[in-house]
């Protein structure tokens, strides 16, 4: 027969549980305040601005009018928005999904069994490109691609070639691949450590090629890491503003991805309401991308 619990001990247990919940709430409260200040409030403010004709100057700056969904209708019918969205898709597909993922995995696979100064040198150079400030990196790339005294033209023997004017989108894609590969390399390096060496040894003894080893022994073990990397890198690239420091969206808007398009319309043209509407659409696109990847992760778990 179980011993009866006295009312006093039950009261002590309730008090202890309440004290624990209070301490937990005290620890969580600062984080919730930061999330509310830096995420929730800006999102709600953007939603509000997107329904007004708010501008930086003029009458609409002091007395903005409610316009409902007019800004969103204008955005969805704007040819410049369509072009910018297409350029952003190229930017994400070329630099994040193909460039950073493939190059990051290739570096991680090549360096997995390497030791010594060569590995440390490669890892150091890749990480250096990732941690340097965006303004410093942009200056280096402008110096590299300069038409008259650029390092690339000097190496290739092609003086006078204006890379940033003739191939602006390709330049920002390669720039982003060079800058962001470090994250994928580190993530895949950690993921490859979870692949049992016995699987790789068995594939080698069976005479499997490198592609067969990757397909049958490696990728099934790190598929979750691949999807996580693709999700994070895609979202970061979709919202990246650093290419503005290199091309400013030019020439003739040929490298104007959505983040640069928002900057030009909201601050350059002073149309804050219109820019807020574009920003909200970008948030919705980010949610769609995240939901697609999460669905793929759930399918893997199932």
C-alpha atoms as a PDB file:
ATOM      1  CA  UNK A   1       0.000   0.000   0.000  1.00  0.00           C
ATOM      2  CA  UNK A   2       1.531   3.325  -1.099  1.00  0.00           C
ATOM      3  CA  UNK A   3       2.233   5.822   1.680  1.00  0.00           C
ATOM      4  CA  UNK A   4      -0.080   8.793   1.800  1.00  0.00           C
ATOM      5  CA  UNK A   5       1.337  12.166   0.832  1.00  0.00           C
ATOM      6  CA  UNK A   6       0.878  14.817   3.460  1.00  0.00           C
ATOM      7  CA  UNK A   7      -0.670  18.170   2.496  1.00  0.00           C
ATOM      8  CA  UNK A   8       2.454  19.936   3.696  1.00  0.00           C
ATOM      9  CA  UNK A   9       4.811  17.962   1.402  1.00  0.00           C
ATOM     10  CA  UNK A  10       2.450  18.503  -1.507  1.00  0.00           C
ATOM     11  CA  UNK A  11       2.527  22.232  -0.809  1.00  0.00           C
ATOM     12  CA  UNK A  12       6.319  22.217  -0.738  1.00  0.00           C
ATOM     13  CA  UNK A  13       6.385  20.414  -4.089  1.00  0.00           C
ATOM     14  CA  UNK A  14       4.018  22.949  -5.627  1.00  0.00           C
ATOM     15  CA  UNK A  15       6.112  25.834  -4.288  1.00  0.00           C
ATOM     16  CA  UNK A  16       9.294  24.290  -5.685  1.00  0.00           C
ATOM     17  CA  UNK A  17       7.668  23.770  -9.082  1.00  0.00           C
ATOM     18  CA  UNK A  18       6.426  27.357  -9.102  1.00  0.00           C
ATOM     19  CA  UNK A  19       9.876  28.634  -8.149  1.00  0.00           C
ATOM     20  CA  UNK A  20      11.431  26.583 -10.952  1.00  0.00           C
ATOM     21  CA  UNK A  21       8.989  27.970 -13.495  1.00  0.00           C
ATOM     22  CA  UNK A  22       9.693  31.505 -12.252  1.00  0.00           C
ATOM     23  CA  UNK A  23      13.443  31.031 -12.633  1.00  0.00           C
ATOM     24  CA  UNK A  24      13.001  29.552 -16.096  1.00  0.00           C
ATOM     25  CA  UNK A  25      10.831  32.516 -17.111  1.00  0.00           C
ATOM     26  CA  UNK A  26      13.458  34.918 -15.745  1.00  0.00           C
ATOM     27  CA  UNK A  27      16.147  33.273 -17.877  1.00  0.00           C
ATOM     28  CA  UNK A  28      13.991  33.253 -21.010  1.00  0.00           C
ATOM     29  CA  UNK A  29      12.601  36.785 -20.608  1.00  0.00           C
ATOM     30  CA  UNK A  30      15.705  38.675 -21.904  1.00  0.00           C
ATOM     31  CA  UNK A  31      15.783  36.534 -25.039  1.00  0.00           C
ATOM     32  CA  UNK A  32      12.074  37.082 -25.628  1.00  0.00           C
ATOM     33  CA  UNK A  33      12.537  40.843 -25.218  1.00  0.00           C
ATOM     34  CA  UNK A  34      15.341  40.840 -27.791  1.00  0.00           C
ATOM     35  CA  UNK A  35      13.253  38.774 -30.218  1.00  0.00           C
ATOM     36  CA  UNK A  36      10.313  41.140 -29.774  1.00  0.00           C
ATOM     37  CA  UNK A  37      12.435  44.281 -30.236  1.00  0.00           C
ATOM     38  CA  UNK A  38      14.563  43.145 -33.151  1.00  0.00           C
ATOM     39  CA  UNK A  39      12.261  40.697 -34.973  1.00  0.00           C
ATOM     40  CA  UNK A  40       8.591  40.975 -34.056  1.00  0.00           C
ATOM     41  CA  UNK A  41       8.324  44.767 -33.921  1.00  0.00           C
ATOM     42  CA  UNK A  42      10.229  45.364 -37.218  1.00  0.00           C
ATOM     43  CA  UNK A  43       8.065  42.744 -38.932  1.00  0.00           C
ATOM     44  CA  UNK A  44       4.858  44.381 -37.687  1.00  0.00           C
ATOM     45  CA  UNK A  45       6.178  47.826 -38.624  1.00  0.00           C
ATOM     46  CA  UNK A  46       7.026  46.581 -42.126  1.00  0.00           C
ATOM     47  CA  UNK A  47       3.523  45.137 -42.435  1.00  0.00           C
ATOM     48  CA  UNK A  48       2.048  48.490 -41.459  1.00  0.00           C
ATOM     49  CA  UNK A  49       4.264  50.522 -43.806  1.00  0.00           C
ATOM     50  CA  UNK A  50       3.350  48.217 -46.688  1.00  0.00           C
ATOM     51  CA  UNK A  51      -0.272  49.326 -46.386  1.00  0.00           C
ATOM     52  CA  UNK A  52       0.545  53.056 -46.580  1.00  0.00           C
ATOM     53  CA  UNK A  53       1.993  55.488 -49.119  1.00  0.00           C
ATOM     54  CA  UNK A  54       4.718  56.506 -46.666  1.00  0.00           C
ATOM     55  CA  UNK A  55       7.647  58.349 -48.252  1.00  0.00           C
ATOM     56  CA  UNK A  56      10.885  59.895 -47.041  1.00  0.00           C
ATOM     57  CA  UNK A  57       9.954  63.389 -48.195  1.00  0.00           C
ATOM     58  CA  UNK A  58       6.859  65.380 -49.081  1.00  0.00           C
ATOM     59  CA  UNK A  59       3.363  65.337 -47.665  1.00  0.00           C
ATOM     60  CA  UNK A  60       3.304  61.530 -47.407  1.00  0.00           C
ATOM     61  CA  UNK A  61       6.277  61.691 -45.008  1.00  0.00           C
ATOM     62  CA  UNK A  62       4.295  63.624 -42.388  1.00  0.00           C
ATOM     63  CA  UNK A  63       0.788  62.366 -43.149  1.00  0.00           C
ATOM     64  CA  UNK A  64       0.908  58.928 -44.760  1.00  0.00           C
ATOM     65  CA  UNK A  65      -2.364  57.604 -46.128  1.00  0.00           C
ATOM     66  CA  UNK A  66      -3.688  54.071 -45.816  1.00  0.00           C
ATOM     67  CA  UNK A  67      -3.727  52.442 -49.279  1.00  0.00           C
ATOM     68  CA  UNK A  68      -4.554  48.835 -48.352  1.00  0.00           C
ATOM     69  CA  UNK A  69      -3.150  46.318 -50.807  1.00  0.00           C
ATOM     70  CA  UNK A  70      -2.338  48.846 -53.542  1.00  0.00           C
ATOM     71  CA  UNK A  71       1.408  48.587 -52.907  1.00  0.00           C
ATOM     72  CA  UNK A  72       1.345  44.793 -53.166  1.00  0.00           C
ATOM     73  CA  UNK A  73      -0.688  44.924 -56.371  1.00  0.00           C
ATOM     74  CA  UNK A  74       1.795  47.401 -57.830  1.00  0.00           C
ATOM     75  CA  UNK A  75       4.755  45.259 -56.795  1.00  0.00           C
ATOM     76  CA  UNK A  76       3.356  42.066 -58.317  1.00  0.00           C
ATOM     77  CA  UNK A  77       2.692  43.879 -61.596  1.00  0.00           C
ATOM     78  CA  UNK A  78       6.046  45.679 -61.688  1.00  0.00           C
ATOM     79  CA  UNK A  79       8.395  44.517 -64.417  1.00  0.00           C
ATOM     80  CA  UNK A  80      11.437  45.674 -62.432  1.00  0.00           C
ATOM     81  CA  UNK A  81      10.358  43.478 -59.522  1.00  0.00           C
ATOM     82  CA  UNK A  82      10.001  40.483 -61.848  1.00  0.00           C
ATOM     83  CA  UNK A  83      13.487  41.075 -63.254  1.00  0.00           C
ATOM     84  CA  UNK A  84      14.952  41.469 -59.769  1.00  0.00           C
ATOM     85  CA  UNK A  85      13.228  38.284 -58.588  1.00  0.00           C
ATOM     86  CA  UNK A  86      14.662  36.372 -61.563  1.00  0.00           C
ATOM     87  CA  UNK A  87      18.151  37.740 -60.873  1.00  0.00           C
ATOM     88  CA  UNK A  88      17.798  36.733 -57.217  1.00  0.00           C
ATOM     89  CA  UNK A  89      16.836  33.203 -58.271  1.00  0.00           C
ATOM     90  CA  UNK A  90      19.974  33.052 -60.431  1.00  0.00           C
ATOM     91  CA  UNK A  91      22.038  34.396 -57.562  1.00  0.00           C
ATOM     92  CA  UNK A  92      20.721  31.823 -55.072  1.00  0.00           C
ATOM     93  CA  UNK A  93      20.864  28.900 -57.497  1.00  0.00           C
ATOM     94  CA  UNK A  94      24.322  29.715 -58.836  1.00  0.00           C
ATOM     95  CA  UNK A  95      26.124  30.786 -55.690  1.00  0.00           C
ATOM     96  CA  UNK A  96      24.341  28.971 -52.854  1.00  0.00           C
ATOM     97  CA  UNK A  97      22.797  25.750 -54.144  1.00  0.00           C
ATOM     98  CA  UNK A  98      25.450  24.937 -56.771  1.00  0.00           C
ATOM     99  CA  UNK A  99      28.564  26.931 -55.947  1.00  0.00           C
ATOM    100  CA  UNK A 100      28.887  26.957 -52.162  1.00  0.00           C
ATOM    101  CA  UNK A 101      27.362  23.524 -51.656  1.00  0.00           C
ATOM    102  CA  UNK A 102      29.466  21.759 -54.278  1.00  0.00           C
ATOM    103  CA  UNK A 103      32.706  23.578 -53.511  1.00  0.00           C
ATOM    104  CA  UNK A 104      32.201  23.334 -49.747  1.00  0.00           C
ATOM    105  CA  UNK A 105      31.593  19.594 -49.950  1.00  0.00           C
ATOM    106  CA  UNK A 106      34.517  19.097 -52.344  1.00  0.00           C
ATOM    107  CA  UNK A 107      36.880  20.871 -49.951  1.00  0.00           C
ATOM    108  CA  UNK A 108      35.559  18.946 -46.954  1.00  0.00           C
ATOM    109  CA  UNK A 109      35.879  15.620 -48.808  1.00  0.00           C
ATOM    110  CA  UNK A 110      39.385  16.405 -50.039  1.00  0.00           C
ATOM    111  CA  UNK A 111      40.628  17.535 -46.627  1.00  0.00           C
ATOM    112  CA  UNK A 112      38.910  14.835 -44.543  1.00  0.00           C
ATOM    113  CA  UNK A 113      42.047  12.669 -44.185  1.00  0.00           C
ATOM    114  CA  UNK A 114      44.629  15.405 -44.657  1.00  0.00           C
ATOM    115  CA  UNK A 115      46.876  16.550 -41.836  1.00  0.00           C
ATOM    116  CA  UNK A 116      49.669  19.031 -41.538  1.00  0.00           C
ATOM    117  CA  UNK A 117      50.270  22.591 -42.731  1.00  0.00           C
ATOM    118  CA  UNK A 118      48.521  22.211 -46.104  1.00  0.00           C
ATOM    119  CA  UNK A 119      45.152  21.507 -44.490  1.00  0.00           C
ATOM    120  CA  UNK A 120      45.583  24.347 -42.005  1.00  0.00           C
ATOM    121  CA  UNK A 121      46.540  26.727 -44.820  1.00  0.00           C
ATOM    122  CA  UNK A 122      43.492  25.864 -46.955  1.00  0.00           C
ATOM    123  CA  UNK A 123      41.123  26.056 -44.008  1.00  0.00           C
ATOM    124  CA  UNK A 124      42.644  29.341 -42.887  1.00  0.00           C
ATOM    125  CA  UNK A 125      42.293  30.947 -46.319  1.00  0.00           C
ATOM    126  CA  UNK A 126      38.691  29.772 -46.709  1.00  0.00           C
ATOM    127  CA  UNK A 127      37.733  30.968 -43.228  1.00  0.00           C
ATOM    128  CA  UNK A 128      39.502  34.289 -43.794  1.00  0.00           C
ATOM    129  CA  UNK A 129      37.233  34.982 -46.759  1.00  0.00           C
ATOM    130  CA  UNK A 130      34.226  34.308 -44.529  1.00  0.00           C
ATOM    131  CA  UNK A 131      35.158  36.396 -41.482  1.00  0.00           C
ATOM    132  CA  UNK A 132      36.487  39.519 -43.207  1.00  0.00           C
ATOM    133  CA  UNK A 133      34.070  42.492 -43.199  1.00  0.00           C
ATOM    134  CA  UNK A 134      31.957  42.870 -46.317  1.00  0.00           C
ATOM    135  CA  UNK A 135      33.362  46.323 -47.101  1.00  0.00           C
ATOM    136  CA  UNK A 136      36.927  44.989 -47.049  1.00  0.00           C
ATOM    137  CA  UNK A 137      36.021  42.063 -49.295  1.00  0.00           C
ATOM    138  CA  UNK A 138      34.193  44.360 -51.731  1.00  0.00           C
ATOM    139  CA  UNK A 139      37.254  46.637 -51.975  1.00  0.00           C
ATOM    140  CA  UNK A 140      39.500  43.634 -52.683  1.00  0.00           C
ATOM    141  CA  UNK A 141      37.198  42.358 -55.421  1.00  0.00           C
ATOM    142  CA  UNK A 142      36.891  45.775 -57.043  1.00  0.00           C
ATOM    143  CA  UNK A 143      40.687  45.938 -57.095  1.00  0.00           C
ATOM    144  CA  UNK A 144      40.812  42.420 -58.528  1.00  0.00           C
ATOM    145  CA  UNK A 145      38.302  43.130 -61.313  1.00  0.00           C
ATOM    146  CA  UNK A 146      39.292  46.702 -62.151  1.00  0.00           C
ATOM    147  CA  UNK A 147      39.371  47.445 -65.881  1.00  0.00           C
ATOM    148  CA  UNK A 148      42.653  49.368 -65.995  1.00  0.00           C
ATOM    149  CA  UNK A 149      44.797  48.101 -63.124  1.00  0.00           C
ATOM    150  CA  UNK A 150      42.948  44.992 -61.991  1.00  0.00           C
ATOM    151  CA  UNK A 151      44.848  41.949 -60.777  1.00  0.00           C
ATOM    152  CA  UNK A 152      42.728  39.543 -62.819  1.00  0.00           C
ATOM    153  CA  UNK A 153      43.440  41.341 -66.092  1.00  0.00           C
ATOM    154  CA  UNK A 154      47.146  41.371 -65.252  1.00  0.00           C
ATOM    155  CA  UNK A 155      47.126  37.610 -64.598  1.00  0.00           C
ATOM    156  CA  UNK A 156      45.094  36.752 -67.705  1.00  0.00           C
ATOM    157  CA  UNK A 157      46.808  39.260 -69.971  1.00  0.00           C
ATOM    158  CA  UNK A 158      43.497  40.914 -70.887  1.00  0.00           C
ATOM    159  CA  UNK A 159      43.991  44.625 -70.154  1.00  0.00           C
ATOM    160  CA  UNK A 160      40.907  46.776 -70.564  1.00  0.00           C
ATOM    161  CA  UNK A 161      38.371  44.010 -69.867  1.00  0.00           C
ATOM    162  CA  UNK A 162      35.576  45.468 -67.735  1.00  0.00           C
ATOM    163  CA  UNK A 163      34.401  42.423 -65.821  1.00  0.00           C
ATOM    164  CA  UNK A 164      31.982  44.307 -63.592  1.00  0.00           C
ATOM    165  CA  UNK A 165      30.381  46.020 -66.570  1.00  0.00           C
ATOM    166  CA  UNK A 166      30.308  43.119 -69.024  1.00  0.00           C
ATOM    167  CA  UNK A 167      29.506  40.265 -66.602  1.00  0.00           C
ATOM    168  CA  UNK A 168      28.065  41.819 -63.414  1.00  0.00           C
ATOM    169  CA  UNK A 169      25.856  38.894 -62.406  1.00  0.00           C
ATOM    170  CA  UNK A 170      28.610  36.329 -62.918  1.00  0.00           C
ATOM    171  CA  UNK A 171      30.956  38.478 -60.836  1.00  0.00           C
ATOM    172  CA  UNK A 172      28.616  38.684 -57.838  1.00  0.00           C
ATOM    173  CA  UNK A 173      27.869  34.940 -58.055  1.00  0.00           C
ATOM    174  CA  UNK A 174      31.572  34.020 -58.030  1.00  0.00           C
ATOM    175  CA  UNK A 175      32.175  36.575 -55.293  1.00  0.00           C
ATOM    176  CA  UNK A 176      29.472  35.035 -53.088  1.00  0.00           C
ATOM    177  CA  UNK A 177      30.769  31.509 -53.720  1.00  0.00           C
ATOM    178  CA  UNK A 178      34.272  32.585 -52.726  1.00  0.00           C
ATOM    179  CA  UNK A 179      32.999  34.327 -49.627  1.00  0.00           C
ATOM    180  CA  UNK A 180      30.450  31.827 -48.314  1.00  0.00           C
ATOM    181  CA  UNK A 181      32.057  28.448 -49.030  1.00  0.00           C
ATOM    182  CA  UNK A 182      33.591  28.311 -45.543  1.00  0.00           C
ATOM    183  CA  UNK A 183      30.278  27.619 -43.816  1.00  0.00           C
ATOM    184  CA  UNK A 184      29.424  24.696 -46.097  1.00  0.00           C
ATOM    185  CA  UNK A 185      32.955  23.324 -45.780  1.00  0.00           C
ATOM    186  CA  UNK A 186      32.805  23.333 -41.971  1.00  0.00           C
ATOM    187  CA  UNK A 187      29.325  21.808 -41.878  1.00  0.00           C
ATOM    188  CA  UNK A 188      30.210  19.045 -44.322  1.00  0.00           C
ATOM    189  CA  UNK A 189      33.521  18.445 -42.554  1.00  0.00           C
ATOM    190  CA  UNK A 190      31.618  17.750 -39.339  1.00  0.00           C
ATOM    191  CA  UNK A 191      29.071  15.621 -41.198  1.00  0.00           C
ATOM    192  CA  UNK A 192      31.726  13.453 -42.843  1.00  0.00           C
ATOM    193  CA  UNK A 193      33.077  12.678 -39.382  1.00  0.00           C
ATOM    194  CA  UNK A 194      29.809  10.799 -38.749  1.00  0.00           C
ATOM    195  CA  UNK A 195      30.374   8.422 -41.660  1.00  0.00           C
ATOM    196  CA  UNK A 196      31.771   5.141 -40.265  1.00  0.00           C
ATOM    197  CA  UNK A 197      35.268   4.477 -41.676  1.00  0.00           C
ATOM    198  CA  UNK A 198      34.251   0.848 -42.140  1.00  0.00           C
ATOM    199  CA  UNK A 199      31.717   1.915 -44.790  1.00  0.00           C
ATOM    200  CA  UNK A 200      34.378   3.764 -46.751  1.00  0.00           C
ATOM    201  CA  UNK A 201      36.816   0.878 -46.398  1.00  0.00           C
ATOM    202  CA  UNK A 202      34.196  -1.607 -47.575  1.00  0.00           C
ATOM    203  CA  UNK A 203      33.452   0.527 -50.622  1.00  0.00           C
ATOM    204  CA  UNK A 204      37.172   0.764 -51.396  1.00  0.00           C
ATOM    205  CA  UNK A 205      37.689  -2.993 -51.128  1.00  0.00           C
ATOM    206  CA  UNK A 206      34.650  -3.566 -53.346  1.00  0.00           C
ATOM    207  CA  UNK A 207      36.274  -1.454 -56.048  1.00  0.00           C
ATOM    208  CA  UNK A 208      33.683   1.332 -55.913  1.00  0.00           C
ATOM    209  CA  UNK A 209      34.519   4.561 -57.689  1.00  0.00           C
ATOM    210  CA  UNK A 210      34.515   7.896 -55.880  1.00  0.00           C
ATOM    211  CA  UNK A 211      31.035   8.712 -57.180  1.00  0.00           C
ATOM    212  CA  UNK A 212      29.696   5.288 -56.155  1.00  0.00           C
ATOM    213  CA  UNK A 213      31.208   5.698 -52.685  1.00  0.00           C
ATOM    214  CA  UNK A 214      29.609   9.111 -52.295  1.00  0.00           C
ATOM    215  CA  UNK A 215      26.243   7.942 -53.602  1.00  0.00           C
ATOM    216  CA  UNK A 216      25.939   4.695 -51.661  1.00  0.00           C
ATOM    217  CA  UNK A 217      28.026   5.160 -48.506  1.00  0.00           C
ATOM    218  CA  UNK A 218      28.343   8.883 -47.787  1.00  0.00           C
ATOM    219  CA  UNK A 219      25.296  10.832 -48.989  1.00  0.00           C
ATOM    220  CA  UNK A 220      22.700   8.602 -47.254  1.00  0.00           C
ATOM    221  CA  UNK A 221      24.491   9.274 -43.942  1.00  0.00           C
ATOM    222  CA  UNK A 222      24.751  13.066 -44.344  1.00  0.00           C
ATOM    223  CA  UNK A 223      21.515  13.848 -46.205  1.00  0.00           C
ATOM    224  CA  UNK A 224      20.144  15.746 -43.218  1.00  0.00           C
ATOM    225  CA  UNK A 225      23.282  17.884 -43.047  1.00  0.00           C
ATOM    226  CA  UNK A 226      23.021  18.609 -46.761  1.00  0.00           C
ATOM    227  CA  UNK A 227      19.436  19.806 -46.434  1.00  0.00           C
ATOM    228  CA  UNK A 228      20.293  21.930 -43.394  1.00  0.00           C
ATOM    229  CA  UNK A 229      23.197  23.531 -45.223  1.00  0.00           C
ATOM    230  CA  UNK A 230      21.058  24.208 -48.285  1.00  0.00           C
ATOM    231  CA  UNK A 231      18.339  25.796 -46.150  1.00  0.00           C
ATOM    232  CA  UNK A 232      20.655  28.137 -44.257  1.00  0.00           C
ATOM    233  CA  UNK A 233      22.826  29.079 -47.224  1.00  0.00           C
ATOM    234  CA  UNK A 234      19.806  29.668 -49.476  1.00  0.00           C
ATOM    235  CA  UNK A 235      18.140  31.988 -46.959  1.00  0.00           C
ATOM    236  CA  UNK A 236      21.333  33.916 -46.259  1.00  0.00           C
ATOM    237  CA  UNK A 237      22.046  34.330 -49.949  1.00  0.00           C
ATOM    238  CA  UNK A 238      18.488  35.339 -50.779  1.00  0.00           C
ATOM    239  CA  UNK A 239      18.734  38.244 -48.327  1.00  0.00           C
ATOM    240  CA  UNK A 240      22.386  39.137 -48.921  1.00  0.00           C
ATOM    241  CA  UNK A 241      23.126  42.814 -49.524  1.00  0.00           C
ATOM    242  CA  UNK A 242      26.900  42.614 -49.997  1.00  0.00           C
ATOM    243  CA  UNK A 243      26.767  42.533 -53.848  1.00  0.00           C
ATOM    244  CA  UNK A 244      25.583  46.149 -53.657  1.00  0.00           C
ATOM    245  CA  UNK A 245      29.069  47.092 -52.476  1.00  0.00           C
ATOM    246  CA  UNK A 246      30.531  45.744 -55.720  1.00  0.00           C
ATOM    247  CA  UNK A 247      28.086  46.663 -58.473  1.00  0.00           C
ATOM    248  CA  UNK A 248      25.390  48.757 -56.723  1.00  0.00           C
ATOM    249  CA  UNK A 249      22.869  46.754 -58.747  1.00  0.00           C
ATOM    250  CA  UNK A 250      24.262  47.951 -62.072  1.00  0.00           C
ATOM    251  CA  UNK A 251      25.028  48.428 -64.755  1.00  0.00           C
ATOM    252  CA  UNK A 252      21.489  49.098 -65.980  1.00  0.00           C
ATOM    253  CA  UNK A 253      20.049  47.055 -63.055  1.00  0.00           C
ATOM    254  CA  UNK A 254      21.618  43.859 -64.445  1.00  0.00           C
ATOM    255  CA  UNK A 255      22.770  42.718 -60.977  1.00  0.00           C
ATOM    256  CA  UNK A 256      19.953  44.242 -58.928  1.00  0.00           C
ATOM    257  CA  UNK A 257      18.858  41.387 -56.690  1.00  0.00           C
ATOM    258  CA  UNK A 258      15.839  41.853 -54.417  1.00  0.00           C
ATOM    259  CA  UNK A 259      17.734  43.189 -51.405  1.00  0.00           C
ATOM    260  CA  UNK A 260      19.294  45.886 -53.597  1.00  0.00           C
ATOM    261  CA  UNK A 261      15.930  46.557 -55.263  1.00  0.00           C
ATOM    262  CA  UNK A 262      14.360  47.190 -51.839  1.00  0.00           C
ATOM    263  CA  UNK A 263      17.194  49.558 -50.937  1.00  0.00           C
ATOM    264  CA  UNK A 264      16.830  51.504 -54.177  1.00  0.00           C
ATOM    265  CA  UNK A 265      13.059  51.857 -54.018  1.00  0.00           C
ATOM    266  CA  UNK A 266      12.777  52.497 -50.263  1.00  0.00           C
ATOM    267  CA  UNK A 267      15.787  54.756 -49.663  1.00  0.00           C
ATOM    268  CA  UNK A 268      16.951  55.768 -53.124  1.00  0.00           C
ATOM    269  CA  UNK A 269      13.509  56.698 -54.454  1.00  0.00           C
ATOM    270  CA  UNK A 270      12.066  57.460 -51.006  1.00  0.00           C
ATOM    271  CA  UNK A 271       9.111  55.077 -51.434  1.00  0.00           C
ATOM    272  CA  UNK A 272       9.168  53.465 -48.004  1.00  0.00           C
ATOM    273  CA  UNK A 273       5.660  52.041 -48.270  1.00  0.00           C
ATOM    274  CA  UNK A 274       6.435  50.371 -51.588  1.00  0.00           C
ATOM    275  CA  UNK A 275       9.783  49.093 -50.290  1.00  0.00           C
ATOM    276  CA  UNK A 276       8.068  47.650 -47.210  1.00  0.00           C
ATOM    277  CA  UNK A 277       5.643  45.768 -49.448  1.00  0.00           C
ATOM    278  CA  UNK A 278       8.580  44.254 -51.365  1.00  0.00           C
ATOM    279  CA  UNK A 279      10.234  43.325 -48.047  1.00  0.00           C
ATOM    280  CA  UNK A 280       7.121  41.495 -46.874  1.00  0.00           C
ATOM    281  CA  UNK A 281       6.975  39.567 -50.136  1.00  0.00           C
ATOM    282  CA  UNK A 282      10.623  38.608 -49.578  1.00  0.00           C
ATOM    283  CA  UNK A 283       9.695  37.316 -46.113  1.00  0.00           C
ATOM    284  CA  UNK A 284       6.953  35.181 -47.645  1.00  0.00           C
ATOM    285  CA  UNK A 285       9.402  33.784 -50.224  1.00  0.00           C
ATOM    286  CA  UNK A 286      11.793  32.931 -47.383  1.00  0.00           C
ATOM    287  CA  UNK A 287       8.995  31.084 -45.608  1.00  0.00           C
ATOM    288  CA  UNK A 288       8.207  29.098 -48.750  1.00  0.00           C
ATOM    289  CA  UNK A 289      11.877  28.132 -49.135  1.00  0.00           C
ATOM    290  CA  UNK A 290      12.061  27.102 -45.477  1.00  0.00           C
ATOM    291  CA  UNK A 291       8.853  25.047 -45.698  1.00  0.00           C
ATOM    292  CA  UNK A 292      10.137  23.188 -48.770  1.00  0.00           C
ATOM    293  CA  UNK A 293      13.362  22.227 -47.020  1.00  0.00           C
ATOM    294  CA  UNK A 294      11.559  21.293 -43.795  1.00  0.00           C
ATOM    295  CA  UNK A 295       9.205  19.091 -45.773  1.00  0.00           C
ATOM    296  CA  UNK A 296      12.189  17.372 -47.352  1.00  0.00           C
ATOM    297  CA  UNK A 297      13.697  16.862 -43.881  1.00  0.00           C
ATOM    298  CA  UNK A 298      10.442  15.379 -42.605  1.00  0.00           C
ATOM    299  CA  UNK A 299      10.350  13.041 -45.587  1.00  0.00           C
ATOM    300  CA  UNK A 300      13.856  11.881 -44.720  1.00  0.00           C
ATOM    301  CA  UNK A 301      12.862  11.251 -41.092  1.00  0.00           C
ATOM    302  CA  UNK A 302       9.779   9.298 -42.155  1.00  0.00           C
END
